[in-house]
Amino acid sequence: MGRLVVIEGLDGAGKRTLTERLTKALRSAGATVATLAFPRYGRSVYADLVHEALHRQHGDLGDSVYGMGLLYALDRRGAADEIRNALDGHDVLLLDRYVASNAAYQAARLHQGADGEVVEWVRALEIERFGLPVPDAHLLLRVSPELAAARAEQRARADSARTKDFFESDDGLQARCARVYDELAARNWLSGWHTIDGAAGVDTDALAEELLASHRTPG
């Protein structure tokens, strides 16, 4: 059984880049690696509904914290077998966003912290009711909300297919979300968390070795 490693952080933190670089480093270290990103736009009807709602295409659906949280969760539930198969066939499965994203963003929308009721609702729904695999480790790619916003804006200008949604455009939401992520990391919510400075260079070779070392057993 492989290790389930989740990369979390604000929109614009650099999760996709870290996923690509860490995948390369893990493979160079001899590990087999699979990757998956959530939401699964273009592959899941629930993810596509999320995208549409975030661009105001379904009336006030995007305003519903629990409605949106349920759509994110259903997208992952639909990927549960894919996740398990990837874990069975690889040493490491890297996920770009997972359950903690739902917890952090919905808590931020409700002005709650990591100890709030919506974080517990997400855990009970996705882990207990839907039976999603529990991560072995979280990597929090931490950047300031200002830097994340600047990167998201630059990305939107460079790629017309990645226009900013109303979550990304809400600077206050992003700042609150960053605080919730810090609280989740401090609590080691669901599993151990490793905080990475996303504004500085990341030694992905050392990070890969650390992840693999923690999975090896003597023998």
C-alpha atoms as a PDB file:
ATOM      1  CA  MET A   1       0.000   0.000   0.000  1.00  0.00           C
ATOM      2  CA  GLY A   2       1.394   3.357  -1.013  1.00  0.00           C
ATOM      3  CA  ARG A   3       1.469   6.590   0.933  1.00  0.00           C
ATOM      4  CA  LEU A   4      -1.267   9.142   0.410  1.00  0.00           C
ATOM      5  CA  VAL A   5       0.368  12.581   0.460  1.00  0.00           C
ATOM      6  CA  VAL A   6      -1.757  15.702   0.089  1.00  0.00           C
ATOM      7  CA  ILE A   7      -0.497  19.114  -1.043  1.00  0.00           C
ATOM      8  CA  GLU A   8      -2.637  21.956   0.321  1.00  0.00           C
ATOM      9  CA  GLY A   9      -2.516  25.743   0.120  1.00  0.00           C
ATOM     10  CA  LEU A  10      -4.239  28.840  -1.163  1.00  0.00           C
ATOM     11  CA  ASP A  11      -5.129  29.383  -4.810  1.00  0.00           C
ATOM     12  CA  GLY A  12      -1.890  30.627  -6.336  1.00  0.00           C
ATOM     13  CA  ALA A  13       0.358  29.023  -3.717  1.00  0.00           C
ATOM     14  CA  GLY A  14       2.114  26.888  -6.341  1.00  0.00           C
ATOM     15  CA  LYS A  15       0.607  23.470  -5.621  1.00  0.00           C
ATOM     16  CA  ARG A  16       0.700  22.318  -9.239  1.00  0.00           C
ATOM     17  CA  THR A  17       4.367  23.253  -9.584  1.00  0.00           C
ATOM     18  CA  LEU A  18       5.257  21.504  -6.326  1.00  0.00           C
ATOM     19  CA  THR A  19       3.333  18.413  -7.425  1.00  0.00           C
ATOM     20  CA  GLU A  20       5.297  18.258 -10.675  1.00  0.00           C
ATOM     21  CA  ARG A  21       8.688  18.825  -9.033  1.00  0.00           C
ATOM     22  CA  LEU A  22       8.032  16.422  -6.156  1.00  0.00           C
ATOM     23  CA  THR A  23       6.823  13.748  -8.567  1.00  0.00           C
ATOM     24  CA  LYS A  24      10.096  14.035 -10.468  1.00  0.00           C
ATOM     25  CA  ALA A  25      12.147  13.908  -7.250  1.00  0.00           C
ATOM     26  CA  LEU A  26      10.287  10.864  -5.926  1.00  0.00           C
ATOM     27  CA  ARG A  27      10.750   9.008  -9.193  1.00  0.00           C
ATOM     28  CA  SER A  28      14.444   9.901  -9.214  1.00  0.00           C
ATOM     29  CA  ALA A  29      14.636   8.354  -5.739  1.00  0.00           C
ATOM     30  CA  GLY A  30      13.218   5.112  -7.119  1.00  0.00           C
ATOM     31  CA  ALA A  31       9.561   5.448  -6.101  1.00  0.00           C
ATOM     32  CA  THR A  32       6.536   4.859  -8.272  1.00  0.00           C
ATOM     33  CA  VAL A  33       4.224   7.870  -8.177  1.00  0.00           C
ATOM     34  CA  ALA A  34       0.670   8.659  -9.216  1.00  0.00           C
ATOM     35  CA  THR A  35      -0.951  12.092  -9.073  1.00  0.00           C
ATOM     36  CA  LEU A  36      -4.483  13.425  -8.952  1.00  0.00           C
ATOM     37  CA  ALA A  37      -5.864  16.962  -8.587  1.00  0.00           C
ATOM     38  CA  PHE A  38      -9.163  18.080  -7.120  1.00  0.00           C
ATOM     39  CA  PRO A  39     -11.633  19.278  -8.209  1.00  0.00           C
ATOM     40  CA  ARG A  40     -11.558  16.954 -11.220  1.00  0.00           C
ATOM     41  CA  TYR A  41     -12.750  19.499 -13.773  1.00  0.00           C
ATOM     42  CA  GLY A  42     -13.798  17.907 -17.045  1.00  0.00           C
ATOM     43  CA  ARG A  43     -13.959  14.441 -15.483  1.00  0.00           C
ATOM     44  CA  SER A  44     -16.605  14.730 -12.774  1.00  0.00           C
ATOM     45  CA  VAL A  45     -20.081  16.228 -13.082  1.00  0.00           C
ATOM     46  CA  TYR A  46     -19.805  17.406  -9.471  1.00  0.00           C
ATOM     47  CA  ALA A  47     -16.526  19.197 -10.176  1.00  0.00           C
ATOM     48  CA  ASP A  48     -18.003  20.830 -13.267  1.00  0.00           C
ATOM     49  CA  LEU A  49     -20.981  22.013 -11.219  1.00  0.00           C
ATOM     50  CA  VAL A  50     -18.501  23.512  -8.737  1.00  0.00           C
ATOM     51  CA  HIS A  51     -16.729  25.379 -11.532  1.00  0.00           C
ATOM     52  CA  GLU A  52     -19.978  26.669 -12.959  1.00  0.00           C
ATOM     53  CA  ALA A  53     -21.293  27.744  -9.555  1.00  0.00           C
ATOM     54  CA  LEU A  54     -18.032  29.566  -8.813  1.00  0.00           C
ATOM     55  CA  HIS A  55     -18.634  31.550 -11.994  1.00  0.00           C
ATOM     56  CA  ARG A  56     -22.248  32.331 -11.034  1.00  0.00           C
ATOM     57  CA  GLN A  57     -23.881  29.995 -13.537  1.00  0.00           C
ATOM     58  CA  HIS A  58     -26.340  28.352 -11.110  1.00  0.00           C
ATOM     59  CA  GLY A  59     -28.063  31.235  -9.398  1.00  0.00           C
ATOM     60  CA  ASP A  60     -27.254  31.388  -5.708  1.00  0.00           C
ATOM     61  CA  LEU A  61     -25.803  27.869  -5.465  1.00  0.00           C
ATOM     62  CA  GLY A  62     -22.305  29.284  -5.017  1.00  0.00           C
ATOM     63  CA  ASP A  63     -23.497  31.201  -1.965  1.00  0.00           C
ATOM     64  CA  SER A  64     -24.414  27.994  -0.130  1.00  0.00           C
ATOM     65  CA  VAL A  65     -21.487  26.894   2.033  1.00  0.00           C
ATOM     66  CA  TYR A  66     -22.874  23.439   2.695  1.00  0.00           C
ATOM     67  CA  GLY A  67     -24.141  23.025  -0.864  1.00  0.00           C
ATOM     68  CA  MET A  68     -20.725  23.768  -2.319  1.00  0.00           C
ATOM     69  CA  GLY A  69     -19.034  21.669   0.362  1.00  0.00           C
ATOM     70  CA  LEU A  70     -21.222  18.729  -0.597  1.00  0.00           C
ATOM     71  CA  LEU A  71     -20.346  19.074  -4.296  1.00  0.00           C
ATOM     72  CA  TYR A  72     -16.617  19.078  -3.505  1.00  0.00           C
ATOM     73  CA  ALA A  73     -17.110  16.014  -1.312  1.00  0.00           C
ATOM     74  CA  LEU A  74     -19.134  14.152  -3.953  1.00  0.00           C
ATOM     75  CA  ASP A  75     -16.366  14.771  -6.482  1.00  0.00           C
ATOM     76  CA  ARG A  76     -13.908  13.007  -4.168  1.00  0.00           C
ATOM     77  CA  ARG A  77     -16.378  10.220  -3.388  1.00  0.00           C
ATOM     78  CA  GLY A  78     -16.572   9.547  -7.100  1.00  0.00           C
ATOM     79  CA  ALA A  79     -12.774   9.195  -7.172  1.00  0.00           C
ATOM     80  CA  ALA A  80     -12.534   6.854  -4.165  1.00  0.00           C
ATOM     81  CA  ASP A  81     -11.857   3.704  -6.214  1.00  0.00           C
ATOM     82  CA  GLU A  82      -9.306   5.556  -8.356  1.00  0.00           C
ATOM     83  CA  ILE A  83      -7.519   6.682  -5.192  1.00  0.00           C
ATOM     84  CA  ARG A  84      -7.464   3.173  -3.720  1.00  0.00           C
ATOM     85  CA  ASN A  85      -6.262   1.610  -6.975  1.00  0.00           C
ATOM     86  CA  ALA A  86      -3.478   4.193  -7.252  1.00  0.00           C
ATOM     87  CA  LEU A  87      -2.398   3.464  -3.674  1.00  0.00           C
ATOM     88  CA  ASP A  88      -2.370  -0.276  -4.402  1.00  0.00           C
ATOM     89  CA  GLY A  89      -0.210   0.191  -7.479  1.00  0.00           C
ATOM     90  CA  HIS A  90       2.245   2.931  -6.443  1.00  0.00           C
ATOM     91  CA  ASP A  91       4.595   3.860  -3.643  1.00  0.00           C
ATOM     92  CA  VAL A  92       3.165   7.379  -3.399  1.00  0.00           C
ATOM     93  CA  LEU A  93      -0.048   9.044  -4.493  1.00  0.00           C
ATOM     94  CA  LEU A  94       0.244  12.840  -4.564  1.00  0.00           C
ATOM     95  CA  LEU A  95      -3.015  14.760  -4.349  1.00  0.00           C
ATOM     96  CA  ASP A  96      -3.301  18.430  -5.273  1.00  0.00           C
ATOM     97  CA  ARG A  97      -6.039  19.344  -2.753  1.00  0.00           C
ATOM     98  CA  TYR A  98      -8.154  16.899  -0.772  1.00  0.00           C
ATOM     99  CA  VAL A  99     -10.513  16.927   2.216  1.00  0.00           C
ATOM    100  CA  ALA A 100      -8.635  19.678   4.074  1.00  0.00           C
ATOM    101  CA  SER A 101      -9.341  22.136   1.247  1.00  0.00           C
ATOM    102  CA  ASN A 102     -13.048  21.685   1.795  1.00  0.00           C
ATOM    103  CA  ALA A 103     -12.612  22.145   5.541  1.00  0.00           C
ATOM    104  CA  ALA A 104     -10.437  25.255   5.207  1.00  0.00           C
ATOM    105  CA  TYR A 105     -12.474  27.097   2.600  1.00  0.00           C
ATOM    106  CA  GLN A 106     -15.909  26.392   4.055  1.00  0.00           C
ATOM    107  CA  ALA A 107     -14.714  27.372   7.546  1.00  0.00           C
ATOM    108  CA  ALA A 108     -13.247  30.583   6.125  1.00  0.00           C
ATOM    109  CA  ARG A 109     -16.527  31.384   4.383  1.00  0.00           C
ATOM    110  CA  LEU A 110     -18.378  31.024   7.683  1.00  0.00           C
ATOM    111  CA  HIS A 111     -15.721  32.959   9.638  1.00  0.00           C
ATOM    112  CA  GLN A 112     -15.030  29.821  11.692  1.00  0.00           C
ATOM    113  CA  GLY A 113     -11.734  28.306  12.808  1.00  0.00           C
ATOM    114  CA  ALA A 114     -10.417  24.768  12.660  1.00  0.00           C
ATOM    115  CA  ASP A 115     -12.470  23.981  15.753  1.00  0.00           C
ATOM    116  CA  GLY A 116     -15.712  25.095  14.090  1.00  0.00           C
ATOM    117  CA  GLU A 117     -18.685  22.914  13.261  1.00  0.00           C
ATOM    118  CA  VAL A 118     -18.206  22.948   9.481  1.00  0.00           C
ATOM    119  CA  VAL A 119     -14.718  21.429   9.751  1.00  0.00           C
ATOM    120  CA  GLU A 120     -16.191  18.566  11.767  1.00  0.00           C
ATOM    121  CA  TRP A 121     -19.043  18.280   9.261  1.00  0.00           C
ATOM    122  CA  VAL A 122     -16.529  17.898   6.412  1.00  0.00           C
ATOM    123  CA  ARG A 123     -14.569  15.244   8.314  1.00  0.00           C
ATOM    124  CA  ALA A 124     -17.696  13.271   9.220  1.00  0.00           C
ATOM    125  CA  LEU A 125     -19.041  13.480   5.667  1.00  0.00           C
ATOM    126  CA  GLU A 126     -15.923  12.697   3.657  1.00  0.00           C
ATOM    127  CA  ILE A 127     -13.993  10.379   5.972  1.00  0.00           C
ATOM    128  CA  GLU A 128     -16.714   8.627   7.939  1.00  0.00           C
ATOM    129  CA  ARG A 129     -19.777   8.602   5.693  1.00  0.00           C
ATOM    130  CA  PHE A 130     -18.074   8.476   2.289  1.00  0.00           C
ATOM    131  CA  GLY A 131     -15.172   6.359   3.570  1.00  0.00           C
ATOM    132  CA  LEU A 132     -12.418   8.270   1.754  1.00  0.00           C
ATOM    133  CA  PRO A 133      -8.865   7.121   2.541  1.00  0.00           C
ATOM    134  CA  VAL A 134      -7.192   9.096   5.324  1.00  0.00           C
ATOM    135  CA  PRO A 135      -3.983  10.865   4.214  1.00  0.00           C
ATOM    136  CA  ASP A 136      -0.625   9.713   5.523  1.00  0.00           C
ATOM    137  CA  ALA A 137       0.782  13.246   5.348  1.00  0.00           C
ATOM    138  CA  HIS A 138      -0.190  16.798   4.434  1.00  0.00           C
ATOM    139  CA  LEU A 139       2.178  19.326   2.882  1.00  0.00           C
ATOM    140  CA  LEU A 140       0.981  22.892   3.484  1.00  0.00           C
ATOM    141  CA  LEU A 141       2.504  25.165   0.862  1.00  0.00           C
ATOM    142  CA  ARG A 142       2.325  28.406   2.801  1.00  0.00           C
ATOM    143  CA  VAL A 143       2.431  31.804   1.094  1.00  0.00           C
ATOM    144  CA  SER A 144       0.990  35.163   2.056  1.00  0.00           C
ATOM    145  CA  PRO A 145      -2.521  35.837   0.753  1.00  0.00           C
ATOM    146  CA  GLU A 146      -1.092  38.830  -1.124  1.00  0.00           C
ATOM    147  CA  LEU A 147       1.455  36.709  -2.992  1.00  0.00           C
ATOM    148  CA  ALA A 148      -1.132  34.028  -3.727  1.00  0.00           C
ATOM    149  CA  ALA A 149      -3.519  36.653  -5.096  1.00  0.00           C
ATOM    150  CA  ALA A 150      -0.822  38.154  -7.315  1.00  0.00           C
ATOM    151  CA  ARG A 151       0.042  34.741  -8.712  1.00  0.00           C
ATOM    152  CA  ALA A 152      -3.622  33.911  -9.347  1.00  0.00           C
ATOM    153  CA  GLU A 153      -4.068  37.227 -11.154  1.00  0.00           C
ATOM    154  CA  GLN A 154      -0.982  36.594 -13.297  1.00  0.00           C
ATOM    155  CA  ARG A 155      -2.228  33.095 -14.102  1.00  0.00           C
ATOM    156  CA  ALA A 156      -5.649  34.421 -15.110  1.00  0.00           C
ATOM    157  CA  ARG A 157      -4.080  36.988 -17.462  1.00  0.00           C
ATOM    158  CA  ALA A 158      -1.848  34.358 -19.067  1.00  0.00           C
ATOM    159  CA  ASP A 159      -4.520  31.675 -19.521  1.00  0.00           C
ATOM    160  CA  SER A 160      -8.076  32.618 -20.493  1.00  0.00           C
ATOM    161  CA  ALA A 161      -9.255  29.162 -19.407  1.00  0.00           C
ATOM    162  CA  ARG A 162      -8.203  29.889 -15.807  1.00  0.00           C
ATOM    163  CA  THR A 163     -10.100  33.081 -15.068  1.00  0.00           C
ATOM    164  CA  LYS A 164     -10.440  33.890 -11.377  1.00  0.00           C
ATOM    165  CA  ASP A 165     -13.584  32.611  -9.694  1.00  0.00           C
ATOM    166  CA  PHE A 166     -15.336  34.438  -6.893  1.00  0.00           C
ATOM    167  CA  PHE A 167     -13.431  32.522  -4.200  1.00  0.00           C
ATOM    168  CA  GLU A 168     -10.112  33.618  -5.718  1.00  0.00           C
ATOM    169  CA  SER A 169     -11.342  37.182  -6.105  1.00  0.00           C
ATOM    170  CA  ASP A 170     -12.266  37.535  -2.414  1.00  0.00           C
ATOM    171  CA  ASP A 171      -9.087  38.727  -0.668  1.00  0.00           C
ATOM    172  CA  GLY A 172     -10.727  38.552   2.744  1.00  0.00           C
ATOM    173  CA  LEU A 173     -11.726  34.942   2.174  1.00  0.00           C
ATOM    174  CA  GLN A 174      -8.189  34.022   1.133  1.00  0.00           C
ATOM    175  CA  ALA A 175      -6.734  35.627   4.283  1.00  0.00           C
ATOM    176  CA  ARG A 176      -9.196  33.781   6.529  1.00  0.00           C
ATOM    177  CA  CYS A 177      -8.521  30.534   4.664  1.00  0.00           C
ATOM    178  CA  ALA A 178      -4.783  30.924   5.271  1.00  0.00           C
ATOM    179  CA  ARG A 179      -5.463  31.221   9.001  1.00  0.00           C
ATOM    180  CA  VAL A 180      -7.627  28.098   9.001  1.00  0.00           C
ATOM    181  CA  TYR A 181      -4.932  26.167   7.131  1.00  0.00           C
ATOM    182  CA  ASP A 182      -2.414  27.204   9.801  1.00  0.00           C
ATOM    183  CA  GLU A 183      -4.787  26.001  12.511  1.00  0.00           C
ATOM    184  CA  LEU A 184      -5.375  22.666  10.762  1.00  0.00           C
ATOM    185  CA  ALA A 185      -1.619  22.199  10.450  1.00  0.00           C
ATOM    186  CA  ALA A 186      -1.076  23.035  14.129  1.00  0.00           C
ATOM    187  CA  ARG A 187      -3.668  20.420  15.071  1.00  0.00           C
ATOM    188  CA  ASN A 188      -2.236  17.803  12.644  1.00  0.00           C
ATOM    189  CA  TRP A 189      -5.802  17.432  11.382  1.00  0.00           C
ATOM    190  CA  LEU A 190      -6.384  13.892  10.030  1.00  0.00           C
ATOM    191  CA  SER A 191      -2.605  13.225   9.836  1.00  0.00           C
ATOM    192  CA  GLY A 192       0.775  14.875  10.293  1.00  0.00           C
ATOM    193  CA  TRP A 193       1.297  18.223   8.536  1.00  0.00           C
ATOM    194  CA  HIS A 194       4.553  19.657   7.178  1.00  0.00           C
ATOM    195  CA  THR A 195       4.594  23.388   6.488  1.00  0.00           C
ATOM    196  CA  ILE A 196       6.645  24.543   3.492  1.00  0.00           C
ATOM    197  CA  ASP A 197       7.596  28.151   2.755  1.00  0.00           C
ATOM    198  CA  GLY A 198       6.110  28.635  -0.688  1.00  0.00           C
ATOM    199  CA  ALA A 199       7.871  31.970  -1.176  1.00  0.00           C
ATOM    200  CA  ALA A 200      11.297  30.367  -0.816  1.00  0.00           C
ATOM    201  CA  GLY A 201      12.889  27.599  -2.815  1.00  0.00           C
ATOM    202  CA  VAL A 202      11.757  24.085  -1.913  1.00  0.00           C
ATOM    203  CA  ASP A 203      14.354  21.312  -1.787  1.00  0.00           C
ATOM    204  CA  THR A 204      12.155  18.667  -3.387  1.00  0.00           C
ATOM    205  CA  ASP A 205      14.919  16.041  -3.334  1.00  0.00           C
ATOM    206  CA  ALA A 206      15.200  16.324   0.458  1.00  0.00           C
ATOM    207  CA  LEU A 207      11.427  16.394   0.797  1.00  0.00           C
ATOM    208  CA  ALA A 208      11.108  13.249  -1.311  1.00  0.00           C
ATOM    209  CA  GLU A 209      13.688  11.452   0.816  1.00  0.00           C
ATOM    210  CA  GLU A 210      11.866  12.495   3.991  1.00  0.00           C
ATOM    211  CA  LEU A 211       8.547  11.205   2.694  1.00  0.00           C
ATOM    212  CA  LEU A 212      10.038   7.912   1.589  1.00  0.00           C
ATOM    213  CA  ALA A 213      12.100   7.434   4.760  1.00  0.00           C
ATOM    214  CA  SER A 214       9.010   7.776   6.926  1.00  0.00           C
ATOM    215  CA  HIS A 215       7.371   4.985   4.927  1.00  0.00           C
ATOM    216  CA  ARG A 216      10.257   2.516   4.948  1.00  0.00           C
ATOM    217  CA  THR A 217      10.350  -0.237   7.527  1.00  0.00           C
ATOM    218  CA  PRO A 218      13.479  -2.039   8.765  1.00  0.00           C
ATOM    219  CA  GLY A 219      14.066  -5.429   7.346  1.00  0.00           C
END
